[in-house]
Amino acid sequence: MKNIFKLMALFAFLFCFSSCEDDEPVIPTLEVTPANLEGTWKLAEWNGASLDEGTYCYVIFNRKEQTFEMYQKFDSMYARHITGSFSIENNPYLGYIISGVYDYGNGDWNNKYIVTDLLESGSMTWTSKDDESDVNKYIRCEKVPEEIIAEAKVDKDEE
């Protein structure tokens, strides 16, 4: 009987160590800094779904000036080129939060976003600070396509 209890204790001990193994590898993330955001990003998913055909949003971050350029055809039937500045704060409870101000007195961004999963492979997730169901996934890209820049320029010339 003593041997059965010893065997059970041994198996329980071994089981505890074998069940502690983490099945999912931990993917290292980058610190959210202007230097790590530098470059061109494309909105790939909004709330878990791909964007509708004909809609897009590209954001170009400039780390030195902490400015952004946005090319989007998202909330308008015409392409728009929007500029402004951004800032990043490190909140001890929420993590990194990005916010921005549009140029020409057009005000602040509608939301502040908690930036997570900034991966070296070139993706990041933004979640609205005030609405956790508003989730945006961005992927790094080489540049904004020329036809999009031209479309936004034509619309700007017409104004």
N, C-alpha and C. Protein backbone atom coordinates (compact mmCIF):
# COMPACT_ATOMS: atom_id res chain seq x y z
N MET A 1 0.82 -1.19 0.00
CA MET A 1 0.00 0.00 0.00
C MET A 1 0.87 1.26 0.00
N LYS A 2 1.98 1.24 0.77
CA LYS A 2 2.89 2.38 0.81
C LYS A 2 3.47 2.63 -0.57
N ASN A 3 3.78 1.54 -1.28
CA ASN A 3 4.37 1.69 -2.61
C ASN A 3 3.39 2.33 -3.59
N ILE A 4 2.12 2.01 -3.45
CA ILE A 4 1.11 2.59 -4.34
C ILE A 4 1.03 4.10 -4.10
N PHE A 5 1.03 4.53 -2.84
CA PHE A 5 0.99 5.96 -2.53
C PHE A 5 2.25 6.67 -3.04
N LYS A 6 3.41 6.01 -2.89
CA LYS A 6 4.66 6.60 -3.39
C LYS A 6 4.61 6.74 -4.90
N LEU A 7 4.10 5.71 -5.58
CA LEU A 7 3.98 5.77 -7.04
C LEU A 7 3.01 6.87 -7.47
N MET A 8 1.89 6.96 -6.76
CA MET A 8 0.91 8.00 -7.09
C MET A 8 1.52 9.40 -6.88
N ALA A 9 2.26 9.58 -5.80
CA ALA A 9 2.90 10.86 -5.54
C ALA A 9 3.94 11.17 -6.61
N LEU A 10 4.69 10.17 -7.03
CA LEU A 10 5.69 10.35 -8.07
C LEU A 10 5.03 10.74 -9.40
N PHE A 11 3.95 10.04 -9.77
CA PHE A 11 3.24 10.36 -11.01
C PHE A 11 2.63 11.77 -10.95
N ALA A 12 2.08 12.13 -9.81
CA ALA A 12 1.50 13.46 -9.66
C ALA A 12 2.59 14.53 -9.81
N PHE A 13 3.75 14.26 -9.21
CA PHE A 13 4.87 15.19 -9.31
C PHE A 13 5.33 15.34 -10.76
N LEU A 14 5.49 14.23 -11.45
CA LEU A 14 5.90 14.26 -12.86
C LEU A 14 4.84 14.91 -13.74
N PHE A 15 3.59 14.64 -13.45
CA PHE A 15 2.49 15.22 -14.22
C PHE A 15 2.48 16.74 -14.10
N CYS A 16 2.75 17.24 -12.90
CA CYS A 16 2.78 18.69 -12.70
C CYS A 16 3.85 19.35 -13.56
N PHE A 17 5.02 18.74 -13.63
CA PHE A 17 6.09 19.32 -14.44
C PHE A 17 5.82 19.20 -15.93
N SER A 18 5.21 18.12 -16.34
CA SER A 18 4.94 17.96 -17.78
C SER A 18 3.80 18.86 -18.25
N SER A 19 2.87 19.19 -17.38
CA SER A 19 1.75 20.03 -17.79
C SER A 19 2.10 21.51 -17.76
N CYS A 20 3.25 21.88 -17.24
CA CYS A 20 3.65 23.28 -17.18
C CYS A 20 4.27 23.77 -18.48
N GLU A 21 4.52 22.89 -19.40
CA GLU A 21 5.13 23.29 -20.65
C GLU A 21 4.17 24.17 -21.44
N ASP A 22 4.70 25.26 -21.96
CA ASP A 22 3.89 26.20 -22.74
C ASP A 22 3.85 25.73 -24.19
N ASP A 23 2.66 25.44 -24.70
CA ASP A 23 2.53 24.94 -26.06
C ASP A 23 2.74 26.03 -27.10
N GLU A 24 2.37 27.26 -26.79
CA GLU A 24 2.50 28.34 -27.74
C GLU A 24 3.82 29.08 -27.51
N PRO A 25 4.61 29.21 -28.57
CA PRO A 25 5.86 29.95 -28.40
C PRO A 25 5.56 31.44 -28.19
N VAL A 26 6.37 32.07 -27.39
CA VAL A 26 6.22 33.49 -27.13
C VAL A 26 6.93 34.26 -28.24
N ILE A 27 6.19 35.10 -28.93
CA ILE A 27 6.77 35.88 -30.02
C ILE A 27 7.19 37.22 -29.44
N PRO A 28 8.48 37.55 -29.54
CA PRO A 28 8.93 38.82 -28.96
C PRO A 28 8.35 40.02 -29.71
N THR A 29 7.94 41.02 -28.95
CA THR A 29 7.39 42.24 -29.55
C THR A 29 8.39 43.38 -29.37
N LEU A 30 8.25 44.36 -30.23
CA LEU A 30 9.11 45.54 -30.15
C LEU A 30 8.49 46.58 -29.24
N GLU A 31 9.33 47.42 -28.67
CA GLU A 31 8.84 48.55 -27.90
C GLU A 31 8.19 49.53 -28.87
N VAL A 32 7.09 50.12 -28.47
CA VAL A 32 6.39 51.07 -29.34
C VAL A 32 7.04 52.44 -29.17
N THR A 33 7.88 52.77 -30.15
CA THR A 33 8.58 54.05 -30.17
C THR A 33 8.43 54.65 -31.57
N PRO A 34 8.64 55.95 -31.70
CA PRO A 34 8.60 56.53 -33.05
C PRO A 34 9.57 55.84 -34.01
N ALA A 35 10.73 55.43 -33.51
CA ALA A 35 11.70 54.75 -34.38
C ALA A 35 11.16 53.43 -34.90
N ASN A 36 10.45 52.68 -34.06
CA ASN A 36 9.91 51.39 -34.50
C ASN A 36 8.66 51.53 -35.35
N LEU A 37 7.99 52.68 -35.27
CA LEU A 37 6.83 52.93 -36.13
C LEU A 37 7.22 53.54 -37.47
N GLU A 38 8.42 54.09 -37.55
CA GLU A 38 8.90 54.76 -38.77
C GLU A 38 8.58 53.93 -40.01
N GLY A 39 8.03 54.59 -41.03
CA GLY A 39 7.76 53.92 -42.30
C GLY A 39 6.29 53.91 -42.65
N THR A 40 5.95 53.05 -43.61
CA THR A 40 4.61 53.00 -44.18
C THR A 40 3.86 51.78 -43.67
N TRP A 41 2.62 51.99 -43.26
CA TRP A 41 1.76 50.93 -42.73
C TRP A 41 0.42 50.95 -43.47
N LYS A 42 -0.09 49.78 -43.72
CA LYS A 42 -1.39 49.64 -44.39
C LYS A 42 -2.38 48.99 -43.44
N LEU A 43 -3.58 49.55 -43.36
CA LEU A 43 -4.63 48.93 -42.56
C LEU A 43 -5.07 47.66 -43.27
N ALA A 44 -4.86 46.51 -42.63
CA ALA A 44 -5.17 45.22 -43.24
C ALA A 44 -6.49 44.64 -42.75
N GLU A 45 -6.82 44.87 -41.49
CA GLU A 45 -8.05 44.34 -40.91
C GLU A 45 -8.67 45.39 -40.00
N TRP A 46 -9.99 45.40 -40.01
CA TRP A 46 -10.73 46.27 -39.10
C TRP A 46 -11.75 45.40 -38.40
N ASN A 47 -11.63 45.29 -37.09
CA ASN A 47 -12.51 44.44 -36.28
C ASN A 47 -12.53 43.00 -36.78
N GLY A 48 -11.36 42.49 -37.17
CA GLY A 48 -11.21 41.10 -37.57
C GLY A 48 -11.59 40.79 -39.00
N ALA A 49 -12.03 41.77 -39.76
CA ALA A 49 -12.43 41.54 -41.15
C ALA A 49 -11.56 42.37 -42.09
N SER A 50 -11.36 41.85 -43.29
CA SER A 50 -10.63 42.60 -44.31
C SER A 50 -11.45 43.82 -44.72
N LEU A 51 -10.79 44.81 -45.26
CA LEU A 51 -11.49 46.01 -45.70
C LEU A 51 -12.28 45.72 -46.97
N ASP A 52 -13.37 46.45 -47.14
CA ASP A 52 -14.17 46.32 -48.35
C ASP A 52 -13.34 46.73 -49.55
N GLU A 53 -13.67 46.16 -50.70
CA GLU A 53 -12.97 46.50 -51.92
C GLU A 53 -13.12 47.99 -52.20
N GLY A 54 -12.02 48.61 -52.59
CA GLY A 54 -12.05 50.04 -52.89
C GLY A 54 -11.77 50.94 -51.71
N THR A 55 -11.68 50.38 -50.51
CA THR A 55 -11.34 51.18 -49.33
C THR A 55 -9.92 50.85 -48.90
N TYR A 56 -9.25 51.83 -48.35
CA TYR A 56 -7.87 51.61 -47.89
C TYR A 56 -7.49 52.71 -46.91
N CYS A 57 -6.42 52.44 -46.20
CA CYS A 57 -5.84 53.43 -45.30
C CYS A 57 -4.35 53.12 -45.17
N TYR A 58 -3.52 54.04 -45.59
CA TYR A 58 -2.07 53.94 -45.45
C TYR A 58 -1.63 55.06 -44.52
N VAL A 59 -0.71 54.75 -43.61
CA VAL A 59 -0.17 55.76 -42.70
C VAL A 59 1.35 55.71 -42.81
N ILE A 60 1.94 56.87 -43.01
CA ILE A 60 3.40 56.99 -43.06
C ILE A 60 3.83 57.76 -41.81
N PHE A 61 4.64 57.11 -40.98
CA PHE A 61 5.13 57.76 -39.76
C PHE A 61 6.55 58.27 -39.98
N ASN A 62 6.81 59.51 -39.54
CA ASN A 62 8.14 60.10 -39.58
C ASN A 62 8.59 60.23 -38.13
N ARG A 63 9.61 59.47 -37.77
CA ARG A 63 10.03 59.42 -36.37
C ARG A 63 10.69 60.71 -35.89
N LYS A 64 11.48 61.34 -36.75
CA LYS A 64 12.22 62.54 -36.32
C LYS A 64 11.28 63.69 -35.99
N GLU A 65 10.32 63.91 -36.85
CA GLU A 65 9.38 65.02 -36.66
C GLU A 65 8.15 64.61 -35.85
N GLN A 66 7.98 63.32 -35.64
CA GLN A 66 6.78 62.74 -35.02
C GLN A 66 5.53 63.25 -35.74
N THR A 67 5.57 63.10 -37.07
CA THR A 67 4.44 63.49 -37.91
C THR A 67 3.94 62.26 -38.66
N PHE A 68 2.76 62.39 -39.22
CA PHE A 68 2.22 61.31 -40.04
C PHE A 68 1.58 61.90 -41.29
N GLU A 69 1.53 61.06 -42.32
CA GLU A 69 0.75 61.33 -43.52
C GLU A 69 -0.18 60.15 -43.68
N MET A 70 -1.41 60.41 -43.98
CA MET A 70 -2.39 59.34 -44.16
C MET A 70 -3.05 59.49 -45.53
N TYR A 71 -3.07 58.38 -46.25
CA TYR A 71 -3.82 58.31 -47.50
C TYR A 71 -4.96 57.35 -47.23
N GLN A 72 -6.18 57.84 -47.34
CA GLN A 72 -7.30 56.96 -47.03
C GLN A 72 -8.50 57.21 -47.92
N LYS A 73 -9.19 56.15 -48.14
CA LYS A 73 -10.48 56.20 -48.83
C LYS A 73 -11.34 55.26 -48.01
N PHE A 74 -11.81 55.81 -46.90
CA PHE A 74 -12.45 54.97 -45.90
C PHE A 74 -13.79 55.54 -45.49
N ASP A 75 -13.79 56.81 -45.18
CA ASP A 75 -15.01 57.46 -44.73
C ASP A 75 -15.49 58.51 -45.73
N SER A 76 -15.02 58.38 -46.97
CA SER A 76 -15.39 59.31 -48.02
C SER A 76 -15.35 58.56 -49.35
N MET A 77 -16.07 59.05 -50.33
CA MET A 77 -16.02 58.37 -51.62
C MET A 77 -14.79 58.78 -52.42
N TYR A 78 -14.05 59.78 -51.93
CA TYR A 78 -12.85 60.25 -52.60
C TYR A 78 -11.63 59.96 -51.74
N ALA A 79 -10.50 59.80 -52.40
CA ALA A 79 -9.25 59.61 -51.68
C ALA A 79 -8.89 60.90 -50.94
N ARG A 80 -8.29 60.73 -49.77
CA ARG A 80 -7.90 61.90 -48.98
C ARG A 80 -6.46 61.76 -48.52
N HIS A 81 -5.76 62.87 -48.51
CA HIS A 81 -4.40 62.93 -47.97
C HIS A 81 -4.48 63.81 -46.73
N ILE A 82 -4.18 63.23 -45.59
CA ILE A 82 -4.32 63.91 -44.31
C ILE A 82 -2.96 63.92 -43.63
N THR A 83 -2.61 65.02 -43.00
CA THR A 83 -1.34 65.12 -42.30
C THR A 83 -1.57 65.56 -40.86
N GLY A 84 -0.54 65.36 -40.04
CA GLY A 84 -0.63 65.77 -38.65
C GLY A 84 0.57 65.28 -37.86
N SER A 85 0.44 65.33 -36.56
CA SER A 85 1.50 64.87 -35.67
C SER A 85 0.94 63.81 -34.73
N PHE A 86 1.85 62.99 -34.20
CA PHE A 86 1.43 61.93 -33.28
C PHE A 86 2.32 61.92 -32.06
N SER A 87 1.83 61.30 -31.01
CA SER A 87 2.63 61.11 -29.80
C SER A 87 2.33 59.74 -29.21
N ILE A 88 3.30 59.25 -28.46
CA ILE A 88 3.18 57.93 -27.83
C ILE A 88 3.43 58.11 -26.34
N GLU A 89 2.55 57.54 -25.53
CA GLU A 89 2.76 57.54 -24.08
C GLU A 89 2.77 56.09 -23.60
N ASN A 90 3.55 55.83 -22.57
CA ASN A 90 3.61 54.50 -21.99
C ASN A 90 2.82 54.51 -20.68
N ASN A 91 1.60 53.98 -20.74
CA ASN A 91 0.73 53.92 -19.57
C ASN A 91 1.08 52.64 -18.80
N PRO A 92 1.34 52.73 -17.50
CA PRO A 92 1.74 51.54 -16.75
C PRO A 92 0.67 50.44 -16.70
N TYR A 93 -0.58 50.80 -16.92
CA TYR A 93 -1.66 49.82 -16.85
C TYR A 93 -2.11 49.33 -18.22
N LEU A 94 -2.12 50.23 -19.20
CA LEU A 94 -2.65 49.88 -20.52
C LEU A 94 -1.57 49.57 -21.54
N GLY A 95 -0.36 50.05 -21.31
CA GLY A 95 0.72 49.87 -22.28
C GLY A 95 0.89 51.13 -23.11
N TYR A 96 1.37 50.94 -24.33
CA TYR A 96 1.66 52.09 -25.20
C TYR A 96 0.39 52.61 -25.85
N ILE A 97 0.21 53.93 -25.77
CA ILE A 97 -0.98 54.57 -26.33
C ILE A 97 -0.52 55.62 -27.34
N ILE A 98 -1.07 55.52 -28.55
CA ILE A 98 -0.76 56.49 -29.59
C ILE A 98 -1.95 57.42 -29.78
N SER A 99 -1.65 58.69 -29.95
CA SER A 99 -2.69 59.68 -30.20
C SER A 99 -2.16 60.66 -31.24
N GLY A 100 -3.05 61.44 -31.81
CA GLY A 100 -2.60 62.35 -32.84
C GLY A 100 -3.45 63.59 -32.97
N VAL A 101 -2.89 64.55 -33.68
CA VAL A 101 -3.55 65.82 -33.96
C VAL A 101 -3.43 66.06 -35.46
N TYR A 102 -4.54 66.40 -36.09
CA TYR A 102 -4.53 66.71 -37.52
C TYR A 102 -4.01 68.12 -37.74
N ASP A 103 -3.36 68.33 -38.87
CA ASP A 103 -2.89 69.67 -39.24
C ASP A 103 -4.06 70.59 -39.58
N TYR A 104 -3.75 71.86 -39.70
CA TYR A 104 -4.69 72.90 -40.13
C TYR A 104 -5.88 73.07 -39.19
N GLY A 105 -5.65 72.84 -37.90
CA GLY A 105 -6.69 73.07 -36.91
C GLY A 105 -7.88 72.12 -37.00
N ASN A 106 -7.65 70.94 -37.57
CA ASN A 106 -8.76 69.98 -37.71
C ASN A 106 -8.97 69.10 -36.48
N GLY A 107 -8.26 69.38 -35.40
CA GLY A 107 -8.53 68.70 -34.14
C GLY A 107 -7.75 67.42 -33.92
N ASP A 108 -8.11 66.76 -32.82
CA ASP A 108 -7.47 65.51 -32.42
C ASP A 108 -8.07 64.33 -33.16
N TRP A 109 -7.33 63.22 -33.15
CA TRP A 109 -7.90 61.97 -33.65
C TRP A 109 -9.16 61.67 -32.84
N ASN A 110 -10.08 60.96 -33.43
CA ASN A 110 -11.31 60.60 -32.72
C ASN A 110 -11.03 59.71 -31.51
N ASN A 111 -10.00 58.89 -31.60
CA ASN A 111 -9.67 57.95 -30.52
C ASN A 111 -8.19 57.98 -30.22
N LYS A 112 -7.86 57.54 -29.02
CA LYS A 112 -6.49 57.17 -28.69
C LYS A 112 -6.46 55.66 -28.79
N TYR A 113 -5.31 55.11 -29.21
CA TYR A 113 -5.23 53.67 -29.46
C TYR A 113 -4.13 53.03 -28.63
N ILE A 114 -4.45 51.87 -28.07
CA ILE A 114 -3.47 51.05 -27.37
C ILE A 114 -2.79 50.19 -28.44
N VAL A 115 -1.48 50.32 -28.55
CA VAL A 115 -0.73 49.59 -29.58
C VAL A 115 -0.13 48.34 -28.95
N THR A 116 -0.46 47.19 -29.54
CA THR A 116 0.06 45.91 -29.05
C THR A 116 0.59 45.10 -30.23
N ASP A 117 1.29 44.06 -29.92
CA ASP A 117 1.79 43.10 -30.92
C ASP A 117 2.55 43.78 -32.04
N LEU A 118 3.42 44.73 -31.70
CA LEU A 118 4.30 45.33 -32.70
C LEU A 118 5.42 44.33 -32.94
N LEU A 119 5.34 43.67 -34.08
CA LEU A 119 6.27 42.58 -34.37
C LEU A 119 7.34 43.03 -35.37
N GLU A 120 8.52 42.46 -35.20
CA GLU A 120 9.62 42.76 -36.12
C GLU A 120 9.27 42.34 -37.55
N SER A 121 8.41 41.35 -37.68
CA SER A 121 8.00 40.88 -39.01
C SER A 121 7.14 41.91 -39.74
N GLY A 122 6.63 42.90 -39.03
CA GLY A 122 5.94 44.00 -39.68
C GLY A 122 4.44 44.02 -39.51
N SER A 123 3.96 43.87 -38.31
CA SER A 123 2.52 44.04 -38.05
C SER A 123 2.34 44.60 -36.65
N MET A 124 1.19 45.22 -36.45
CA MET A 124 0.85 45.75 -35.13
C MET A 124 -0.66 45.84 -35.03
N THR A 125 -1.15 45.87 -33.81
CA THR A 125 -2.58 45.95 -33.56
C THR A 125 -2.87 47.21 -32.75
N TRP A 126 -3.89 47.94 -33.19
CA TRP A 126 -4.36 49.12 -32.47
C TRP A 126 -5.75 48.82 -31.95
N THR A 127 -5.97 49.06 -30.66
CA THR A 127 -7.29 48.91 -30.05
C THR A 127 -7.69 50.25 -29.44
N SER A 128 -8.87 50.70 -29.77
CA SER A 128 -9.34 51.98 -29.25
C SER A 128 -9.33 51.95 -27.73
N LYS A 129 -8.78 52.97 -27.13
CA LYS A 129 -8.70 53.05 -25.66
C LYS A 129 -10.09 53.05 -25.03
N ASP A 130 -11.06 53.67 -25.71
CA ASP A 130 -12.40 53.81 -25.15
C ASP A 130 -13.40 52.79 -25.67
N ASP A 131 -13.00 51.97 -26.64
CA ASP A 131 -13.92 50.98 -27.22
C ASP A 131 -13.11 49.76 -27.65
N GLU A 132 -12.98 48.78 -26.75
CA GLU A 132 -12.12 47.63 -27.04
C GLU A 132 -12.62 46.76 -28.19
N SER A 133 -13.82 47.03 -28.70
CA SER A 133 -14.30 46.28 -29.86
C SER A 133 -13.80 46.90 -31.17
N ASP A 134 -13.19 48.08 -31.10
CA ASP A 134 -12.63 48.76 -32.27
C ASP A 134 -11.16 48.38 -32.38
N VAL A 135 -10.88 47.36 -33.21
CA VAL A 135 -9.53 46.80 -33.33
C VAL A 135 -9.06 46.92 -34.78
N ASN A 136 -7.86 47.46 -34.95
CA ASN A 136 -7.28 47.65 -36.28
C ASN A 136 -5.94 46.92 -36.35
N LYS A 137 -5.73 46.17 -37.43
CA LYS A 137 -4.44 45.51 -37.63
C LYS A 137 -3.76 46.16 -38.82
N TYR A 138 -2.54 46.61 -38.59
CA TYR A 138 -1.73 47.24 -39.63
C TYR A 138 -0.58 46.33 -40.00
N ILE A 139 -0.21 46.36 -41.28
CA ILE A 139 0.97 45.63 -41.74
C ILE A 139 1.91 46.63 -42.40
N ARG A 140 3.20 46.38 -42.22
CA ARG A 140 4.20 47.26 -42.82
C ARG A 140 4.26 47.00 -44.32
N CYS A 141 4.41 48.05 -45.09
CA CYS A 141 4.56 47.89 -46.53
C CYS A 141 5.66 48.83 -47.01
N GLU A 142 6.10 48.60 -48.23
CA GLU A 142 7.22 49.36 -48.76
C GLU A 142 6.87 50.83 -48.96
N LYS A 143 5.72 51.09 -49.60
CA LYS A 143 5.32 52.47 -49.85
C LYS A 143 3.84 52.51 -50.22
N VAL A 144 3.30 53.70 -50.25
CA VAL A 144 1.93 53.90 -50.71
C VAL A 144 1.94 53.78 -52.23
N PRO A 145 1.05 52.99 -52.80
CA PRO A 145 1.02 52.86 -54.26
C PRO A 145 0.87 54.22 -54.95
N GLU A 146 1.59 54.38 -56.05
CA GLU A 146 1.59 55.65 -56.79
C GLU A 146 0.19 56.09 -57.23
N GLU A 147 -0.65 55.13 -57.64
CA GLU A 147 -1.99 55.50 -58.10
C GLU A 147 -2.84 56.09 -56.97
N ILE A 148 -2.59 55.65 -55.75
CA ILE A 148 -3.32 56.20 -54.60
C ILE A 148 -2.84 57.63 -54.31
N ILE A 149 -1.53 57.85 -54.38
CA ILE A 149 -0.99 59.20 -54.19
C ILE A 149 -1.55 60.13 -55.26
N ALA A 150 -1.57 59.64 -56.50
CA ALA A 150 -2.08 60.46 -57.61
C ALA A 150 -3.57 60.76 -57.43
N GLU A 151 -4.34 59.77 -56.98
CA GLU A 151 -5.78 59.98 -56.77
C GLU A 151 -6.02 61.03 -55.68
N ALA A 152 -5.26 60.97 -54.61
CA ALA A 152 -5.41 61.95 -53.52
C ALA A 152 -4.96 63.33 -53.98
N LYS A 153 -3.92 63.39 -54.81
CA LYS A 153 -3.44 64.67 -55.32
C LYS A 153 -4.46 65.31 -56.25
N VAL A 154 -5.10 64.52 -57.11
CA VAL A 154 -6.13 65.04 -58.01
C VAL A 154 -7.27 65.63 -57.21
N ASP A 155 -7.71 64.91 -56.19
CA ASP A 155 -8.82 65.40 -55.35
C ASP A 155 -8.43 66.67 -54.62
N LYS A 156 -7.18 66.77 -54.18
CA LYS A 156 -6.72 67.95 -53.46
C LYS A 156 -6.66 69.16 -54.41
N ASP A 157 -6.26 68.91 -55.67
CA ASP A 157 -6.19 69.98 -56.66
C ASP A 157 -7.57 70.54 -56.98
N GLU A 158 -8.60 69.70 -56.88
CA GLU A 158 -9.96 70.13 -57.21
C GLU A 158 -10.59 70.97 -56.12
N GLU A 159 -10.05 70.92 -54.91
CA GLU A 159 -10.65 71.66 -53.79
C GLU A 159 -10.46 73.14 -53.90
